[in-house]
Protein backbone atom coordinates (compact mmCIF):
# COMPACT_ATOMS: atom_id res chain seq x y z
CA MET A 1 5.39 6.54 6.60
CA PRO A 2 7.65 8.15 9.19
CA LYS A 3 9.13 5.82 11.81
CA THR A 4 8.40 2.73 9.70
CA SER A 5 10.73 -0.25 9.90
CA VAL A 6 10.98 -1.88 6.48
CA ARG A 7 10.86 -5.66 6.84
CA SER A 8 11.19 -6.46 3.16
CA SER A 9 10.87 -4.82 -0.22
CA SER A 10 11.13 -5.78 -3.86
CA PHE A 11 11.01 -4.11 -7.25
CA ASP A 12 10.73 -6.11 -10.47
CA LYS A 13 10.86 -3.93 -13.55
CA ALA A 14 11.34 -6.84 -15.97
CA ALA A 15 7.64 -6.80 -16.83
CA SER A 16 5.33 -3.94 -17.69
CA PRO A 17 3.81 -2.79 -15.45
CA ALA A 18 6.54 -3.20 -12.83
CA THR A 19 5.76 -5.11 -9.65
CA VAL A 20 6.59 -3.47 -6.34
CA ALA A 21 6.13 -4.78 -2.80
CA LEU A 22 6.90 -3.40 0.64
CA VAL A 23 6.29 -4.86 4.09
CA GLY A 24 6.73 -2.52 7.03
CA THR A 25 5.90 -2.15 10.70
CA VAL A 26 5.07 0.99 12.62
CA LYS A 27 3.72 1.86 16.06
CA ALA A 28 0.50 3.43 14.79
CA PRO A 29 -3.13 2.39 14.47
CA PRO A 30 -4.23 0.90 11.13
CA GLU A 31 -6.34 4.01 10.50
CA GLY A 32 -3.23 6.18 10.65
CA VAL A 33 -1.38 3.95 8.19
CA VAL A 34 -4.35 3.98 5.82
CA GLU A 35 -4.75 7.75 5.96
CA PHE A 36 -1.03 8.34 5.33
CA TYR A 37 -0.84 6.09 2.26
CA LYS A 38 -4.27 7.05 0.97
CA ALA A 39 -3.20 10.73 0.90
CA SER A 40 0.11 9.83 -0.73
CA LEU A 41 -1.47 7.64 -3.41
CA GLU A 42 -4.28 10.09 -4.17
CA ALA A 43 -1.66 12.83 -4.62
CA GLN A 44 -0.12 10.59 -7.31
CA GLY A 45 -3.44 10.22 -9.15
CA PHE A 46 -4.69 6.93 -7.68
CA LYS A 47 -8.36 6.51 -6.79
CA VAL A 48 -9.82 4.21 -4.13
CA VAL A 49 -11.69 1.25 -5.61
CA PRO A 50 -15.11 1.06 -3.93
CA GLY A 51 -15.72 -2.05 -1.89
CA PRO A 52 -15.20 -3.60 1.51
CA GLU A 53 -12.23 -2.19 3.41
CA ALA A 54 -11.68 -5.22 5.63
CA VAL A 55 -11.09 -8.91 5.22
CA GLY A 56 -11.48 -10.47 8.64
CA ASN A 57 -9.24 -8.47 10.97
CA VAL A 58 -7.12 -7.06 8.13
CA THR A 59 -7.80 -3.63 6.65
CA SER A 60 -7.41 -3.89 2.88
CA ILE A 61 -7.87 -1.10 0.33
CA ASP A 62 -7.35 -1.18 -3.43
CA PHE A 63 -6.38 1.77 -5.61
CA ILE A 64 -6.31 2.21 -9.38
CA ARG A 65 -4.80 4.75 -11.77
CA GLY A 66 -5.27 4.98 -15.52
CA ASP A 67 -5.56 1.75 -17.47
CA GLY A 68 -4.31 -0.89 -15.12
CA GLU A 69 -1.93 0.57 -12.55
CA THR A 70 -3.02 -0.89 -9.23
CA VAL A 71 -2.01 -0.74 -5.58
CA ASN A 72 -3.23 -2.76 -2.61
CA LEU A 73 -2.63 -1.67 0.98
CA SER A 74 -3.24 -4.23 3.72
CA VAL A 75 -2.78 -3.49 7.43
CA ARG A 76 -3.04 -5.64 10.53
CA GLN A 77 -2.40 -4.50 14.09
CA LYS A 78 -1.12 -6.59 16.98
CA GLU A 79 0.01 -5.30 20.37
CA GLY A 80 0.09 -1.67 19.21
CA VAL A 81 2.18 -2.35 16.11
CA SER A 82 0.72 -2.22 12.62
CA THR A 83 2.23 -4.49 9.99
CA PHE A 84 1.39 -3.35 6.50
CA THR A 85 1.95 -4.59 2.98
CA ILE A 86 1.86 -2.46 -0.12
CA GLY A 87 1.70 -4.35 -3.40
CA ALA A 88 1.67 -2.44 -6.67
CA ASN A 89 1.69 -2.96 -10.40
CA VAL A 90 2.73 0.37 -11.88
CA ALA A 91 4.77 1.95 -14.65
CA ALA A 92 8.44 1.58 -13.62
CA GLY A 93 9.10 5.30 -13.93
CA SER A 94 6.32 6.21 -11.50
CA VAL A 95 7.54 4.23 -8.47
CA LYS A 96 7.97 6.50 -5.42
């Protein structure tokens, strides 16, 4: 997402599927973060998993593609800054 500050990231391709994680912060509402990543993931063939989109005060959405590639997006806002985590288990060659 534009203007995001990456706080941490990791990529472990030792297993299949690969495990990817990113923690970032951005001055944007959680809805803006969700819409940005939802559009990006859907463009890559992921589908939203139906279910609750909040756990307490954290927005949390799961995505799935094919037979087992998964992504979770969690967002929490405090003082106008959204902190988000993207965790994914995907084929190593598909990481973007």
